[in-house]
Amino acid sequence: MDPALVRLGNMIQNRYKYFRWTKRTAGITFVYVAVIPTIIGYLGYKTDGLWDMRAKRRGDIMAER
């Protein structure tokens, strides 16, 4: 086995031991846990019922409002 691959495997298995909360990791975590779900939820709420893709025929409009 290649020693570099063994070290990489050990590093991946023990990653939690070397993790530290820094300003950068806290910011990235906040974005993925709070900001992105909030944006997706807001967009879903604002467009709820706006688009109806089922049973449309030629000439019908897609927007319901």
PDB file of N, CA and C in Angstrom:
ATOM      1  N   MET A   1       0.840  -1.184   0.000  1.00  0.00           N
ATOM      2  CA  MET A   1       0.000   0.000   0.000  1.00  0.00           C
ATOM      3  C   MET A   1       0.890   1.254   0.000  1.00  0.00           C
ATOM      4  N   ASP A   2       0.359   2.249  -0.634  1.00  0.00           N
ATOM      5  CA  ASP A   2       1.054   3.541  -0.688  1.00  0.00           C
ATOM      6  C   ASP A   2       0.907   4.241   0.667  1.00  0.00           C
ATOM      7  N   PRO A   3       1.978   4.681   1.282  1.00  0.00           N
ATOM      8  CA  PRO A   3       1.884   5.340   2.591  1.00  0.00           C
ATOM      9  C   PRO A   3       1.004   6.588   2.574  1.00  0.00           C
ATOM     10  N   ALA A   4       0.984   7.290   1.448  1.00  0.00           N
ATOM     11  CA  ALA A   4       0.150   8.490   1.365  1.00  0.00           C
ATOM     12  C   ALA A   4      -1.331   8.115   1.433  1.00  0.00           C
ATOM     13  N   LEU A   5      -1.706   7.003   0.787  1.00  0.00           N
ATOM     14  CA  LEU A   5      -3.111   6.570   0.843  1.00  0.00           C
ATOM     15  C   LEU A   5      -3.492   6.088   2.241  1.00  0.00           C
ATOM     16  N   VAL A   6      -2.585   5.467   2.932  1.00  0.00           N
ATOM     17  CA  VAL A   6      -2.851   5.031   4.309  1.00  0.00           C
ATOM     18  C   VAL A   6      -3.060   6.241   5.207  1.00  0.00           C
ATOM     19  N   ARG A   7      -2.185   7.246   5.066  1.00  0.00           N
ATOM     20  CA  ARG A   7      -2.351   8.475   5.859  1.00  0.00           C
ATOM     21  C   ARG A   7      -3.667   9.164   5.543  1.00  0.00           C
ATOM     22  N   LEU A   8      -4.027   9.203   4.258  1.00  0.00           N
ATOM     23  CA  LEU A   8      -5.292   9.825   3.863  1.00  0.00           C
ATOM     24  C   LEU A   8      -6.468   9.087   4.476  1.00  0.00           C
ATOM     25  N   GLY A   9      -6.431   7.761   4.448  1.00  0.00           N
ATOM     26  CA  GLY A   9      -7.511   6.973   5.052  1.00  0.00           C
ATOM     27  C   GLY A   9      -7.625   7.222   6.547  1.00  0.00           C
ATOM     28  N   ASN A  10      -6.490   7.291   7.233  1.00  0.00           N
ATOM     29  CA  ASN A  10      -6.507   7.564   8.677  1.00  0.00           C
ATOM     30  C   ASN A  10      -7.026   8.965   8.966  1.00  0.00           C
ATOM     31  N   MET A  11      -6.638   9.920   8.128  1.00  0.00           N
ATOM     32  CA  MET A  11      -7.100  11.292   8.337  1.00  0.00           C
ATOM     33  C   MET A  11      -8.614  11.384   8.164  1.00  0.00           C
ATOM     34  N   ILE A  12      -9.139  10.701   7.158  1.00  0.00           N
ATOM     35  CA  ILE A  12     -10.582  10.749   6.917  1.00  0.00           C
ATOM     36  C   ILE A  12     -11.340  10.087   8.062  1.00  0.00           C
ATOM     37  N   GLN A  13     -10.836   8.965   8.562  1.00  0.00           N
ATOM     38  CA  GLN A  13     -11.513   8.271   9.659  1.00  0.00           C
ATOM     39  C   GLN A  13     -11.469   9.056  10.965  1.00  0.00           C
ATOM     40  N   ASN A  14     -10.420   9.841  11.182  1.00  0.00           N
ATOM     41  CA  ASN A  14     -10.247  10.573  12.439  1.00  0.00           C
ATOM     42  C   ASN A  14     -10.468  12.070  12.282  1.00  0.00           C
ATOM     43  N   ARG A  15     -11.205  12.461  11.286  1.00  0.00           N
ATOM     44  CA  ARG A  15     -11.389  13.893  11.015  1.00  0.00           C
ATOM     45  C   ARG A  15     -12.034  14.625  12.192  1.00  0.00           C
ATOM     46  N   TYR A  16     -12.961  13.976  12.876  1.00  0.00           N
ATOM     47  CA  TYR A  16     -13.654  14.637  13.988  1.00  0.00           C
ATOM     48  C   TYR A  16     -12.695  14.991  15.122  1.00  0.00           C
ATOM     49  N   LYS A  17     -11.594  14.298  15.242  1.00  0.00           N
ATOM     50  CA  LYS A  17     -10.633  14.583  16.305  1.00  0.00           C
ATOM     51  C   LYS A  17      -9.881  15.889  16.063  1.00  0.00           C
ATOM     52  N   TYR A  18      -9.758  16.278  14.795  1.00  0.00           N
ATOM     53  CA  TYR A  18      -8.959  17.444  14.452  1.00  0.00           C
ATOM     54  C   TYR A  18      -9.803  18.660  14.085  1.00  0.00           C
ATOM     55  N   PHE A  19     -11.123  18.535  14.192  1.00  0.00           N
ATOM     56  CA  PHE A  19     -11.999  19.651  13.816  1.00  0.00           C
ATOM     57  C   PHE A  19     -11.984  20.716  14.903  1.00  0.00           C
ATOM     58  N   ARG A  20     -11.950  21.995  14.470  1.00  0.00           N
ATOM     59  CA  ARG A  20     -12.019  23.108  15.411  1.00  0.00           C
ATOM     60  C   ARG A  20     -13.007  24.121  14.885  1.00  0.00           C
ATOM     61  N   TRP A  21     -13.769  24.702  15.794  1.00  0.00           N
ATOM     62  CA  TRP A  21     -14.678  25.778  15.411  1.00  0.00           C
ATOM     63  C   TRP A  21     -13.865  27.057  15.267  1.00  0.00           C
ATOM     64  N   THR A  22     -13.818  27.542  14.068  1.00  0.00           N
ATOM     65  CA  THR A  22     -13.174  28.817  13.803  1.00  0.00           C
ATOM     66  C   THR A  22     -14.232  29.750  13.232  1.00  0.00           C
ATOM     67  N   LYS A  23     -13.853  30.977  12.997  1.00  0.00           N
ATOM     68  CA  LYS A  23     -14.801  31.930  12.416  1.00  0.00           C
ATOM     69  C   LYS A  23     -15.264  31.440  11.044  1.00  0.00           C
ATOM     70  N   ARG A  24     -14.345  30.879  10.272  1.00  0.00           N
ATOM     71  CA  ARG A  24     -14.682  30.398   8.925  1.00  0.00           C
ATOM     72  C   ARG A  24     -15.644  29.206   8.982  1.00  0.00           C
ATOM     73  N   THR A  25     -15.347  28.196   9.814  1.00  0.00           N
ATOM     74  CA  THR A  25     -16.213  27.016   9.878  1.00  0.00           C
ATOM     75  C   THR A  25     -17.580  27.368  10.464  1.00  0.00           C
ATOM     76  N   ALA A  26     -17.617  28.284  11.409  1.00  0.00           N
ATOM     77  CA  ALA A  26     -18.901  28.706  11.969  1.00  0.00           C
ATOM     78  C   ALA A  26     -19.734  29.434  10.912  1.00  0.00           C
ATOM     79  N   GLY A  27     -19.094  30.272  10.114  1.00  0.00           N
ATOM     80  CA  GLY A  27     -19.810  30.988   9.058  1.00  0.00           C
ATOM     81  C   GLY A  27     -20.360  30.052   8.003  1.00  0.00           C
ATOM     82  N   ILE A  28     -19.553  29.097   7.570  1.00  0.00           N
ATOM     83  CA  ILE A  28     -20.002  28.125   6.569  1.00  0.00           C
ATOM     84  C   ILE A  28     -21.152  27.289   7.117  1.00  0.00           C
ATOM     85  N   THR A  29     -21.043  26.852   8.358  1.00  0.00           N
ATOM     86  CA  THR A  29     -22.109  26.059   8.973  1.00  0.00           C
ATOM     87  C   THR A  29     -23.393  26.868   9.082  1.00  0.00           C
ATOM     88  N   PHE A  30     -23.292  28.124   9.468  1.00  0.00           N
ATOM     89  CA  PHE A  30     -24.475  28.970   9.575  1.00  0.00           C
ATOM     90  C   PHE A  30     -25.161  29.133   8.223  1.00  0.00           C
ATOM     91  N   VAL A  31     -24.370  29.315   7.180  1.00  0.00           N
ATOM     92  CA  VAL A  31     -24.951  29.469   5.843  1.00  0.00           C
ATOM     93  C   VAL A  31     -25.708  28.205   5.439  1.00  0.00           C
ATOM     94  N   TYR A  32     -25.119  27.029   5.636  1.00  0.00           N
ATOM     95  CA  TYR A  32     -25.754  25.784   5.216  1.00  0.00           C
ATOM     96  C   TYR A  32     -26.922  25.376   6.120  1.00  0.00           C
ATOM     97  N   VAL A  33     -26.899  25.773   7.377  1.00  0.00           N
ATOM     98  CA  VAL A  33     -27.953  25.350   8.307  1.00  0.00           C
ATOM     99  C   VAL A  33     -29.101  26.348   8.370  1.00  0.00           C
ATOM    100  N   ALA A  34     -28.827  27.632   8.201  1.00  0.00           N
ATOM    101  CA  ALA A  34     -29.871  28.634   8.393  1.00  0.00           C
ATOM    102  C   ALA A  34     -30.201  29.430   7.133  1.00  0.00           C
ATOM    103  N   VAL A  35     -29.219  29.936   6.445  1.00  0.00           N
ATOM    104  CA  VAL A  35     -29.474  30.871   5.342  1.00  0.00           C
ATOM    105  C   VAL A  35     -30.083  30.168   4.139  1.00  0.00           C
ATOM    106  N   ILE A  36     -29.468  29.101   3.676  1.00  0.00           N
ATOM    107  CA  ILE A  36     -29.970  28.418   2.475  1.00  0.00           C
ATOM    108  C   ILE A  36     -31.362  27.826   2.692  1.00  0.00           C
ATOM    109  N   PRO A  37     -31.648  27.110   3.800  1.00  0.00           N
ATOM    110  CA  PRO A  37     -33.019  26.630   3.998  1.00  0.00           C
ATOM    111  C   PRO A  37     -34.045  27.765   4.114  1.00  0.00           C
ATOM    112  N   THR A  38     -33.636  28.890   4.691  1.00  0.00           N
ATOM    113  CA  THR A  38     -34.550  30.034   4.794  1.00  0.00           C
ATOM    114  C   THR A  38     -34.891  30.579   3.418  1.00  0.00           C
ATOM    115  N   ILE A  39     -33.898  30.704   2.558  1.00  0.00           N
ATOM    116  CA  ILE A  39     -34.143  31.202   1.200  1.00  0.00           C
ATOM    117  C   ILE A  39     -35.037  30.246   0.427  1.00  0.00           C
ATOM    118  N   ILE A  40     -34.767  28.957   0.514  1.00  0.00           N
ATOM    119  CA  ILE A  40     -35.586  27.973  -0.197  1.00  0.00           C
ATOM    120  C   ILE A  40     -37.012  27.969   0.353  1.00  0.00           C
ATOM    121  N   GLY A  41     -37.162  28.066   1.662  1.00  0.00           N
ATOM    122  CA  GLY A  41     -38.497  28.122   2.258  1.00  0.00           C
ATOM    123  C   GLY A  41     -39.257  29.366   1.850  1.00  0.00           C
ATOM    124  N   TYR A  42     -38.579  30.496   1.813  1.00  0.00           N
ATOM    125  CA  TYR A  42     -39.214  31.747   1.401  1.00  0.00           C
ATOM    126  C   TYR A  42     -39.675  31.669  -0.049  1.00  0.00           C
ATOM    127  N   LEU A  43     -38.811  31.179  -0.917  1.00  0.00           N
ATOM    128  CA  LEU A  43     -39.196  31.051  -2.322  1.00  0.00           C
ATOM    129  C   LEU A  43     -40.354  30.069  -2.497  1.00  0.00           C
ATOM    130  N   GLY A  44     -40.339  28.988  -1.744  1.00  0.00           N
ATOM    131  CA  GLY A  44     -41.443  28.030  -1.803  1.00  0.00           C
ATOM    132  C   GLY A  44     -42.745  28.637  -1.312  1.00  0.00           C
ATOM    133  N   TYR A  45     -42.674  29.422  -0.256  1.00  0.00           N
ATOM    134  CA  TYR A  45     -43.871  30.055   0.283  1.00  0.00           C
ATOM    135  C   TYR A  45     -44.437  31.091  -0.681  1.00  0.00           C
ATOM    136  N   LYS A  46     -43.547  31.891  -1.289  1.00  0.00           N
ATOM    137  CA  LYS A  46     -44.014  32.948  -2.192  1.00  0.00           C
ATOM    138  C   LYS A  46     -44.570  32.394  -3.502  1.00  0.00           C
ATOM    139  N   THR A  47     -44.104  31.232  -3.942  1.00  0.00           N
ATOM    140  CA  THR A  47     -44.578  30.678  -5.209  1.00  0.00           C
ATOM    141  C   THR A  47     -45.581  29.554  -5.014  1.00  0.00           C
ATOM    142  N   ASP A  48     -46.054  29.342  -3.800  1.00  0.00           N
ATOM    143  CA  ASP A  48     -47.018  28.282  -3.537  1.00  0.00           C
ATOM    144  C   ASP A  48     -48.316  28.562  -4.293  1.00  0.00           C
ATOM    145  N   GLY A  49     -48.695  27.658  -5.156  1.00  0.00           N
ATOM    146  CA  GLY A  49     -49.922  27.812  -5.920  1.00  0.00           C
ATOM    147  C   GLY A  49     -49.775  28.690  -7.152  1.00  0.00           C
ATOM    148  N   LEU A  50     -48.599  29.218  -7.395  1.00  0.00           N
ATOM    149  CA  LEU A  50     -48.401  30.100  -8.533  1.00  0.00           C
ATOM    150  C   LEU A  50     -48.316  29.314  -9.834  1.00  0.00           C
ATOM    151  N   TRP A  51     -47.647  28.183  -9.788  1.00  0.00           N
ATOM    152  CA  TRP A  51     -47.469  27.373 -10.983  1.00  0.00           C
ATOM    153  C   TRP A  51     -48.246  26.073 -10.833  1.00  0.00           C
ATOM    154  N   ASP A  52     -49.049  25.749 -11.831  1.00  0.00           N
ATOM    155  CA  ASP A  52     -49.774  24.492 -11.846  1.00  0.00           C
ATOM    156  C   ASP A  52     -49.430  23.789 -13.149  1.00  0.00           C
ATOM    157  N   MET A  53     -48.623  22.766 -13.064  1.00  0.00           N
ATOM    158  CA  MET A  53     -48.110  22.107 -14.256  1.00  0.00           C
ATOM    159  C   MET A  53     -48.989  20.949 -14.718  1.00  0.00           C
ATOM    160  N   ARG A  54     -49.961  20.538 -13.924  1.00  0.00           N
ATOM    161  CA  ARG A  54     -50.754  19.371 -14.294  1.00  0.00           C
ATOM    162  C   ARG A  54     -51.937  19.753 -15.172  1.00  0.00           C
ATOM    163  N   ALA A  55     -52.228  18.903 -16.097  1.00  0.00           N
ATOM    164  CA  ALA A  55     -53.431  18.976 -16.931  1.00  0.00           C
ATOM    165  C   ALA A  55     -53.563  20.302 -17.682  1.00  0.00           C
ATOM    166  N   LYS A  56     -52.470  20.766 -18.197  1.00  0.00           N
ATOM    167  CA  LYS A  56     -52.525  21.975 -19.010  1.00  0.00           C
ATOM    168  C   LYS A  56     -52.711  21.567 -20.472  1.00  0.00           C
ATOM    169  N   ARG A  57     -53.491  22.350 -21.163  1.00  0.00           N
ATOM    170  CA  ARG A  57     -53.697  22.102 -22.584  1.00  0.00           C
ATOM    171  C   ARG A  57     -53.070  23.238 -23.380  1.00  0.00           C
ATOM    172  N   ARG A  58     -52.970  23.029 -24.661  1.00  0.00           N
ATOM    173  CA  ARG A  58     -52.379  24.043 -25.521  1.00  0.00           C
ATOM    174  C   ARG A  58     -53.214  25.322 -25.436  1.00  0.00           C
ATOM    175  N   GLY A  59     -52.523  26.420 -25.208  1.00  0.00           N
ATOM    176  CA  GLY A  59     -53.207  27.698 -25.124  1.00  0.00           C
ATOM    177  C   GLY A  59     -53.508  28.143 -23.695  1.00  0.00           C
ATOM    178  N   ASP A  60     -53.474  27.227 -22.742  1.00  0.00           N
ATOM    179  CA  ASP A  60     -53.688  27.603 -21.332  1.00  0.00           C
ATOM    180  C   ASP A  60     -52.436  28.277 -20.787  1.00  0.00           C
ATOM    181  N   ILE A  61     -52.641  29.222 -19.860  1.00  0.00           N
ATOM    182  CA  ILE A  61     -51.503  29.878 -19.246  1.00  0.00           C
ATOM    183  C   ILE A  61     -51.028  29.059 -18.049  1.00  0.00           C
ATOM    184  N   MET A  62     -49.736  29.152 -17.736  1.00  0.00           N
ATOM    185  CA  MET A  62     -49.193  28.389 -16.611  1.00  0.00           C
ATOM    186  C   MET A  62     -49.406  29.105 -15.286  1.00  0.00           C
ATOM    187  N   ALA A  63     -49.440  30.433 -15.300  1.00  0.00           N
ATOM    188  CA  ALA A  63     -49.596  31.181 -14.057  1.00  0.00           C
ATOM    189  C   ALA A  63     -51.063  31.159 -13.623  1.00  0.00           C
ATOM    190  N   GLU A  64     -51.300  30.873 -12.377  1.00  0.00           N
ATOM    191  CA  GLU A  64     -52.667  30.813 -11.846  1.00  0.00           C
ATOM    192  C   GLU A  64     -53.142  32.159 -11.327  1.00  0.00           C
ATOM    193  N   ARG A  65     -52.223  33.017 -10.946  1.00  0.00           N
ATOM    194  CA  ARG A  65     -52.629  34.299 -10.359  1.00  0.00           C
ATOM    195  C   ARG A  65     -52.841  35.324 -11.403  1.00  0.00           C
TER     196      ARG A  65
END
